Amino acid sequence: MDSFLHAQVKLMPEMSELLQKRYHILQTIQLTKGIGRRVLGEQLGLSERESRKELDALRNQGLIEISRDGASITSEGNSVLLELKEVVREWSGRLQLEQTLSKHLNIKAVIIVPGNVDTNSNASMLLSQEAAKYLESILSDDKIIAVTGGSTIASISNYVPESTKWKNLLFIAARGGVGKDVQLQANTIASSFANKMNGSYRTLYIPDSLSEEAHRTMKKEPFIQEMMDLYNRTNIVIHGIGDALQMAKRRNSNEEEIERLNEIGSVSESFGYYFNGQGEAVHHIRTIGVQLEQLKNIDHLLAVAGGAKKAKALISYFKQAPEQTVLVTDEGAANKMINLLLQTN
C-alpha cells in the first residue's frame, strides 16, 4: 500500500470502511447500468435514507448520473473504479486471501471478487467481468481458445470487448453438448466469443456422453481427428468446475448412476471427469473433447467458479489441477475453502 494512504488509514481508520462502501455502490451501478435507489439498497443492505445520501454524494462528485431510468455511472466514475481497484482489493483483505489460497491450491494465481454467487447476482456478474479481463490480458494473435459450457462461462462472453485488435483467434468447443439448453452449450459459447473478438470458431455437435461403440466409431471420423489435433494445439482453456451430483443430474443420469457416483465418493466434475475428495479421477464418461492428460501442456488454464456451496468441489478438483491454472472465484467460495483447508491441516 502507498505510504501516504497507509498513514491516512492509521489516522482515520473509518476512511477505509467508507471508501469500500462507496466503491461497492459505484461498482454495483456500473454493473446494473441503471438502478433505482430502492433496488440498490436491497442489493447492498442499505436503508433508503442511506442510499439517498450515498447517491447524492456520488452525483455531486460527478461519478454518477441519475435519471428516470435510475443511477448510471459516468466516464469519471469508471476511471475512479479503475484507479481504486488495487487499493480496495488490499484494504478488503482479498489480496492476502488470494495469495494464501493460491499457495494452498498450488496453482498460478487466484482472483477473488466480492460477494457470493449463491446469494448475490452482482457477484456472478463480477465473476464474469473479472474472467473476461484476465482473458483479455493473456490474449495475442494466432491463439486457439477452448471453452466448456455452463452459465458461468456463457456469461463471460458478455464482458469481453468487441474488438478487431486480435488476428486469427480460433474458439473451439472443448466438448460436446451437455444439457438441453443450447445457449449454455460449448458450441454456442464458442461462437459468442468469436463474434465479439474478431475470431472464428469450430463446433462439436455430438452428444456429451457416448456409448463404447459410438465413441470408438466417432474417433475415426476425420472431423473428430481434426478437433483432437486442435485440442493438442490449444493455447488457452476456459472452464468451469461443477458439483459432481449436480452435473450428473444435468446430464440426466438415472438414479442408479447417481447412486454409483455417491458410492465411489464423487465430489467434483470437470471435462467429463468425476473426482473424489482426494482429487482422484474416479469416473470418466466417454466423450469427445479436451482430455485430462492434455491440460498439462496448455499454456493458460482459466477456471471460473464461485459460491460457498462449491467450496468442496473446488478443493477436490484443485488437488490435481495443473499448476498453470488461474482461478477466478468469489469471497463466498474463497472463505469457505480456506476454512475447510485449515480444518484438514
Protein backbone atom coordinates (compact mmCIF):
# COMPACT_ATOMS: atom_id res chain seq x y z
CA MET A 1 0.00 0.00 0.00
CA ASP A 2 1.14 3.54 -0.77
CA SER A 3 2.75 5.04 2.38
CA PHE A 4 0.51 8.14 2.24
CA LEU A 5 -2.64 6.00 2.06
CA HIS A 6 -1.33 3.81 4.85
CA ALA A 7 -0.83 6.88 7.04
CA GLN A 8 -4.34 8.10 6.25
CA VAL A 9 -5.86 4.80 7.29
CA LYS A 10 -3.87 4.88 10.54
CA LEU A 11 -5.14 8.37 11.28
CA MET A 12 -8.70 7.79 10.06
CA PRO A 13 -9.50 4.06 10.06
CA GLU A 14 -13.13 4.85 9.26
CA MET A 15 -11.95 6.14 5.85
CA SER A 16 -11.22 2.60 4.66
CA GLU A 17 -14.74 1.42 5.52
CA LEU A 18 -16.40 4.41 3.83
CA LEU A 19 -14.22 4.11 0.73
CA GLN A 20 -15.01 0.42 0.33
CA LYS A 21 -18.71 1.11 0.83
CA ARG A 22 -18.86 3.80 -1.84
CA TYR A 23 -16.66 1.74 -4.14
CA HIS A 24 -19.13 -1.16 -3.95
CA ILE A 25 -22.05 1.19 -4.58
CA LEU A 26 -20.31 2.61 -7.63
CA GLN A 27 -19.36 -0.87 -8.81
CA THR A 28 -22.97 -2.06 -8.49
CA ILE A 29 -24.19 0.93 -10.52
CA GLN A 30 -21.62 0.14 -13.20
CA LEU A 31 -22.79 -3.48 -13.45
CA THR A 32 -26.50 -2.78 -13.49
CA LYS A 33 -26.44 0.16 -15.92
CA GLY A 34 -29.43 1.98 -14.45
CA ILE A 35 -30.60 1.06 -10.96
CA GLY A 36 -33.16 2.60 -8.65
CA ARG A 37 -32.47 3.69 -5.09
CA ARG A 38 -34.69 1.01 -3.57
CA VAL A 39 -33.19 -1.87 -5.56
CA LEU A 40 -29.69 -0.61 -4.81
CA GLY A 41 -30.47 -0.57 -1.10
CA GLU A 42 -31.88 -4.10 -1.23
CA GLN A 43 -28.81 -5.44 -3.02
CA LEU A 44 -26.31 -3.79 -0.69
CA GLY A 45 -28.26 -3.86 2.58
CA LEU A 46 -28.67 -0.10 2.81
CA SER A 47 -31.64 1.82 4.20
CA GLU A 48 -33.49 4.12 1.80
CA ARG A 49 -32.14 7.14 3.65
CA GLU A 50 -28.58 5.80 3.42
CA SER A 51 -28.99 5.01 -0.28
CA ARG A 52 -30.21 8.53 -0.98
CA LYS A 53 -27.32 10.05 0.95
CA GLU A 54 -24.66 8.00 -0.83
CA LEU A 55 -26.16 8.53 -4.28
CA ASP A 56 -26.27 12.27 -3.68
CA ALA A 57 -22.60 12.23 -2.65
CA LEU A 58 -21.55 10.30 -5.75
CA ARG A 59 -23.63 12.53 -8.02
CA ASN A 60 -22.17 15.70 -6.50
CA GLN A 61 -18.72 14.37 -7.30
CA GLY A 62 -19.71 13.75 -10.93
CA LEU A 63 -19.26 9.98 -10.61
CA ILE A 64 -22.86 9.05 -11.42
CA GLU A 65 -25.88 10.48 -13.19
CA ILE A 66 -29.46 10.00 -12.04
CA SER A 67 -32.39 9.91 -14.45
CA ARG A 68 -35.85 8.35 -14.67
CA ASP A 69 -34.12 5.05 -15.51
CA GLY A 70 -32.11 5.14 -12.28
CA ALA A 71 -28.46 5.75 -11.46
CA SER A 72 -25.78 5.22 -14.11
CA ILE A 73 -22.04 5.63 -13.93
CA THR A 74 -20.13 8.41 -15.72
CA SER A 75 -16.80 8.14 -17.51
CA GLU A 76 -15.16 9.76 -14.48
CA GLY A 77 -16.83 7.17 -12.26
CA ASN A 78 -15.37 4.39 -14.40
CA SER A 79 -11.93 5.96 -14.08
CA VAL A 80 -12.25 6.14 -10.28
CA LEU A 81 -13.22 2.46 -10.11
CA LEU A 82 -10.16 1.52 -12.15
CA GLU A 83 -7.78 3.69 -10.11
CA LEU A 84 -9.07 2.40 -6.77
CA LYS A 85 -9.33 -1.27 -7.70
CA GLU A 86 -5.99 -2.39 -6.24
CA VAL A 87 -6.35 -0.22 -3.12
CA VAL A 88 -9.78 -1.64 -2.32
CA ARG A 89 -8.53 -5.15 -3.07
CA GLU A 90 -5.79 -4.73 -0.47
CA TRP A 91 -7.89 -2.93 2.15
CA SER A 92 -10.64 -5.54 1.90
CA GLY A 93 -8.18 -8.38 2.61
CA ARG A 94 -8.84 -10.07 -0.74
CA LEU A 95 -5.22 -9.67 -1.89
CA GLN A 96 -3.91 -11.62 1.09
CA LEU A 97 -6.68 -14.19 0.70
CA GLU A 98 -5.77 -14.65 -2.98
CA GLN A 99 -2.13 -15.25 -2.12
CA THR A 100 -2.95 -17.67 0.69
CA LEU A 101 -5.43 -19.65 -1.38
CA SER A 102 -3.21 -19.95 -4.45
CA LYS A 103 -0.46 -21.34 -2.21
CA HIS A 104 -2.82 -23.89 -0.62
CA LEU A 105 -4.20 -24.94 -4.00
CA ASN A 106 -0.74 -24.96 -5.61
CA ILE A 107 -1.81 -23.02 -8.70
CA LYS A 108 -0.52 -19.93 -10.52
CA ALA A 109 -3.00 -17.41 -9.11
CA VAL A 110 -6.41 -16.83 -7.57
CA ILE A 111 -8.54 -13.79 -8.34
CA ILE A 112 -11.34 -13.11 -5.86
CA VAL A 113 -14.33 -10.84 -6.43
CA PRO A 114 -16.60 -9.52 -3.66
CA GLY A 115 -19.75 -11.40 -2.64
CA ASN A 116 -21.16 -14.89 -3.01
CA VAL A 117 -22.90 -16.01 -6.19
CA ASP A 118 -25.16 -18.26 -4.13
CA THR A 119 -26.91 -15.20 -2.71
CA ASN A 120 -25.87 -12.19 -4.80
CA SER A 121 -26.37 -11.76 -8.55
CA ASN A 122 -23.82 -8.93 -8.58
CA ALA A 123 -21.12 -11.38 -7.54
CA SER A 124 -21.97 -13.50 -10.57
CA MET A 125 -21.56 -10.52 -12.88
CA LEU A 126 -18.28 -9.53 -11.21
CA LEU A 127 -17.01 -13.09 -11.63
CA SER A 128 -17.67 -12.98 -15.38
CA GLN A 129 -16.28 -9.45 -15.71
CA GLU A 130 -13.01 -10.34 -13.95
CA ALA A 131 -12.61 -13.53 -16.00
CA ALA A 132 -13.10 -11.51 -19.20
CA LYS A 133 -10.43 -9.02 -18.11
CA TYR A 134 -7.96 -11.79 -17.35
CA LEU A 135 -8.65 -13.46 -20.71
CA GLU A 136 -8.01 -10.15 -22.47
CA SER A 137 -4.69 -9.79 -20.63
CA ILE A 138 -3.33 -13.12 -21.91
CA LEU A 139 -4.64 -12.98 -25.49
CA SER A 140 -2.47 -12.42 -28.52
CA ASP A 141 -2.76 -13.20 -32.22
CA ASP A 142 -2.96 -16.75 -33.59
CA LYS A 143 -4.29 -18.38 -30.42
CA ILE A 144 -6.64 -21.34 -30.05
CA ILE A 145 -9.06 -21.00 -27.15
CA ALA A 146 -11.21 -23.92 -25.99
CA VAL A 147 -14.32 -23.22 -23.91
CA THR A 148 -16.59 -25.51 -21.95
CA GLY A 149 -20.31 -24.98 -21.39
CA GLY A 150 -22.38 -23.69 -18.49
CA SER A 151 -23.98 -20.43 -17.41
CA THR A 152 -20.80 -19.05 -15.81
CA ILE A 153 -18.67 -19.50 -18.94
CA ALA A 154 -21.50 -18.25 -21.18
CA SER A 155 -21.71 -15.04 -19.13
CA ILE A 156 -18.02 -14.23 -19.68
CA SER A 157 -18.64 -13.59 -23.37
CA ASN A 158 -20.96 -10.71 -22.37
CA TYR A 159 -17.99 -8.86 -20.86
CA VAL A 160 -15.24 -9.42 -23.40
CA PRO A 161 -14.65 -6.34 -25.59
CA GLU A 162 -15.92 -6.10 -29.14
CA SER A 163 -12.57 -5.64 -30.84
CA THR A 164 -10.67 -6.28 -34.04
CA LYS A 165 -7.21 -5.86 -32.47
CA TRP A 166 -6.57 -9.61 -32.39
CA LYS A 167 -5.91 -11.63 -35.52
CA ASN A 168 -6.58 -15.30 -36.21
CA LEU A 169 -8.23 -16.20 -32.91
CA LEU A 170 -9.94 -19.59 -33.05
CA PHE A 171 -12.52 -20.51 -30.42
CA ILE A 172 -13.45 -24.17 -30.18
CA ALA A 173 -15.93 -26.19 -28.16
CA ALA A 174 -13.98 -28.10 -25.52
CA ARG A 175 -16.60 -30.88 -25.51
CA GLY A 176 -19.93 -31.99 -26.91
CA GLY A 177 -23.30 -30.70 -25.73
CA VAL A 178 -24.33 -31.03 -22.07
CA GLY A 179 -27.95 -30.46 -21.04
CA LYS A 180 -30.92 -29.26 -23.08
CA ASP A 181 -30.24 -25.51 -23.03
CA VAL A 182 -28.41 -24.84 -26.30
CA GLN A 183 -27.40 -21.32 -25.19
CA LEU A 184 -25.30 -22.81 -22.39
CA GLN A 185 -23.53 -25.40 -24.51
CA ALA A 186 -19.89 -25.05 -25.53
CA ASN A 187 -20.70 -24.72 -29.25
CA THR A 188 -22.89 -21.66 -28.73
CA ILE A 189 -20.46 -20.09 -26.26
CA ALA A 190 -17.50 -20.55 -28.64
CA SER A 191 -19.42 -18.73 -31.38
CA SER A 192 -20.35 -15.91 -28.98
CA PHE A 193 -16.70 -15.31 -28.08
CA ALA A 194 -15.64 -15.44 -31.74
CA ASN A 195 -18.30 -12.98 -32.87
CA LYS A 196 -17.23 -10.38 -30.33
CA MET A 197 -13.48 -10.80 -30.62
CA ASN A 198 -12.96 -10.90 -34.39
CA GLY A 199 -12.31 -14.64 -34.34
CA SER A 200 -13.56 -17.82 -35.97
CA TYR A 201 -14.95 -20.91 -34.28
CA ARG A 202 -15.26 -24.65 -34.64
CA THR A 203 -18.18 -26.60 -33.23
CA LEU A 204 -18.56 -30.14 -31.95
CA TYR A 205 -22.14 -31.23 -32.49
CA ILE A 206 -22.10 -34.60 -30.79
CA PRO A 207 -23.60 -35.82 -27.50
CA ASP A 208 -21.55 -35.26 -24.37
CA SER A 209 -21.79 -38.92 -23.39
CA LEU A 210 -21.31 -41.73 -25.92
CA SER A 211 -21.64 -45.50 -25.86
CA GLU A 212 -18.44 -47.50 -26.16
CA GLU A 213 -19.18 -48.44 -29.77
CA ALA A 214 -20.19 -44.89 -30.77
CA HIS A 215 -17.10 -43.47 -29.08
CA ARG A 216 -14.83 -45.90 -30.92
CA THR A 217 -16.50 -45.15 -34.25
CA MET A 218 -16.57 -41.36 -33.82
CA LYS A 219 -12.86 -41.20 -33.05
CA LYS A 220 -12.19 -42.49 -36.57
CA GLU A 221 -14.12 -39.67 -38.24
CA PRO A 222 -11.91 -37.08 -39.99
CA PHE A 223 -13.64 -34.07 -38.36
CA ILE A 224 -13.13 -35.62 -34.91
CA GLN A 225 -9.46 -36.24 -35.66
CA GLU A 226 -9.19 -32.58 -36.73
CA MET A 227 -10.74 -31.49 -33.44
CA MET A 228 -8.39 -33.70 -31.45
CA ASP A 229 -5.46 -32.10 -33.28
CA LEU A 230 -6.83 -28.66 -32.35
CA TYR A 231 -7.06 -29.72 -28.69
CA ASN A 232 -3.40 -30.73 -28.81
CA ARG A 233 -2.54 -27.24 -30.14
CA THR A 234 -4.84 -25.28 -27.83
CA ASN A 235 -3.23 -22.33 -26.03
CA ILE A 236 -6.00 -21.34 -23.59
CA VAL A 237 -8.81 -23.28 -21.94
CA ILE A 238 -11.69 -21.55 -20.15
CA HIS A 239 -13.66 -23.95 -17.99
CA GLY A 240 -16.00 -24.32 -15.07
CA ILE A 241 -15.92 -26.75 -12.16
CA GLY A 242 -19.10 -28.43 -11.06
CA ASP A 243 -20.50 -30.31 -8.11
CA ALA A 244 -20.42 -33.98 -9.10
CA LEU A 245 -24.04 -34.86 -8.36
CA GLN A 246 -25.42 -31.66 -9.85
CA MET A 247 -23.52 -32.32 -13.06
CA ALA A 248 -24.80 -35.91 -13.14
CA LYS A 249 -28.36 -34.62 -12.88
CA ARG A 250 -27.69 -32.09 -15.61
CA ARG A 251 -26.65 -34.99 -17.82
CA ASN A 252 -29.97 -36.69 -16.98
CA SER A 253 -28.20 -39.56 -15.23
CA ASN A 254 -30.58 -42.09 -13.74
CA GLU A 255 -30.85 -42.85 -10.01
CA GLU A 256 -28.61 -45.91 -10.33
CA GLU A 257 -25.81 -43.86 -11.93
CA ILE A 258 -26.12 -41.12 -9.31
CA GLU A 259 -26.02 -43.70 -6.52
CA ARG A 260 -22.89 -45.19 -8.08
CA LEU A 261 -21.21 -41.75 -8.11
CA ASN A 262 -22.11 -41.41 -4.44
CA GLU A 263 -20.63 -44.79 -3.62
CA ILE A 264 -17.28 -44.01 -5.24
CA GLY A 265 -17.08 -40.67 -3.43
CA SER A 266 -17.50 -38.28 -6.36
CA VAL A 267 -17.22 -34.65 -5.26
CA SER A 268 -16.39 -32.56 -8.33
CA GLU A 269 -16.62 -32.72 -12.12
CA SER A 270 -14.79 -31.08 -14.99
CA PHE A 271 -14.10 -32.13 -18.59
CA GLY A 272 -16.26 -35.22 -18.13
CA TYR A 273 -14.12 -36.50 -15.24
CA TYR A 274 -15.51 -37.04 -11.74
CA PHE A 275 -13.06 -36.54 -8.85
CA ASN A 276 -13.23 -37.71 -5.26
CA GLY A 277 -12.21 -35.75 -2.17
CA GLN A 278 -8.56 -36.62 -2.74
CA GLY A 279 -8.63 -35.28 -6.30
CA GLU A 280 -8.51 -38.72 -7.89
CA ALA A 281 -10.45 -39.29 -11.10
CA VAL A 282 -12.92 -42.00 -10.08
CA HIS A 283 -15.17 -41.94 -13.13
CA HIS A 284 -14.94 -40.68 -16.70
CA ILE A 285 -17.75 -40.51 -19.21
CA ARG A 286 -16.97 -41.42 -22.81
CA THR A 287 -16.80 -38.10 -24.56
CA ILE A 288 -15.04 -36.34 -27.40
CA GLY A 289 -13.28 -33.25 -26.13
CA VAL A 290 -10.32 -31.94 -24.17
CA GLN A 291 -8.86 -34.79 -22.14
CA LEU A 292 -7.32 -34.54 -18.69
CA GLU A 293 -3.84 -35.51 -19.86
CA GLN A 294 -3.85 -32.68 -22.43
CA LEU A 295 -4.31 -29.96 -19.81
CA LYS A 296 -0.73 -30.08 -18.51
CA ASN A 297 0.55 -28.99 -21.94
CA ILE A 298 -1.75 -25.97 -22.32
CA ASP A 299 -0.22 -22.55 -21.62
CA HIS A 300 -3.16 -20.94 -19.81
CA LEU A 301 -5.96 -22.62 -17.89
CA LEU A 302 -8.67 -20.25 -16.69
CA ALA A 303 -11.07 -21.84 -14.19
CA VAL A 304 -14.15 -19.81 -13.25
CA ALA A 305 -16.46 -20.89 -10.43
CA GLY A 306 -17.97 -19.29 -7.34
CA GLY A 307 -20.32 -19.75 -4.43
CA ALA A 308 -19.72 -21.20 -0.97
CA LYS A 309 -21.71 -24.28 -1.97
CA LYS A 310 -18.98 -25.19 -4.46
CA ALA A 311 -16.10 -24.98 -1.98
CA LYS A 312 -15.72 -28.75 -1.51
CA ALA A 313 -15.92 -29.36 -5.25
CA LEU A 314 -13.26 -26.73 -5.91
CA ILE A 315 -10.88 -28.19 -3.33
CA SER A 316 -11.44 -31.64 -4.81
CA TYR A 317 -10.63 -30.54 -8.37
CA PHE A 318 -7.59 -28.45 -7.45
CA LYS A 319 -5.89 -31.35 -5.72
CA GLN A 320 -4.91 -32.50 -9.21
CA ALA A 321 -5.21 -29.32 -11.32
CA PRO A 322 -2.17 -28.23 -13.39
CA GLU A 323 -0.03 -25.56 -11.73
CA GLN A 324 -0.57 -23.04 -14.57
CA THR A 325 -4.26 -22.71 -13.64
CA VAL A 326 -5.71 -19.34 -12.65
CA LEU A 327 -8.93 -19.49 -10.63
CA VAL A 328 -11.45 -16.66 -10.69
CA THR A 329 -13.83 -17.09 -7.77
CA ASP A 330 -15.76 -15.09 -5.16
CA GLU A 331 -15.39 -14.37 -1.45
CA GLY A 332 -18.07 -16.91 -0.57
CA ALA A 333 -16.15 -19.79 -2.13
CA ALA A 334 -12.71 -18.48 -1.11
CA ASN A 335 -13.53 -18.07 2.59
CA LYS A 336 -15.25 -21.45 2.74
CA MET A 337 -12.30 -23.13 1.02
CA ILE A 338 -9.80 -21.59 3.43
CA ASN A 339 -11.88 -22.75 6.42
CA LEU A 340 -12.09 -26.29 5.04
CA LEU A 341 -8.39 -26.41 4.17
CA LEU A 342 -7.32 -25.17 7.60
CA GLN A 343 -9.53 -27.78 9.28
CA THR A 344 -7.76 -30.60 7.42
CA ASN A 345 -4.21 -29.29 8.04
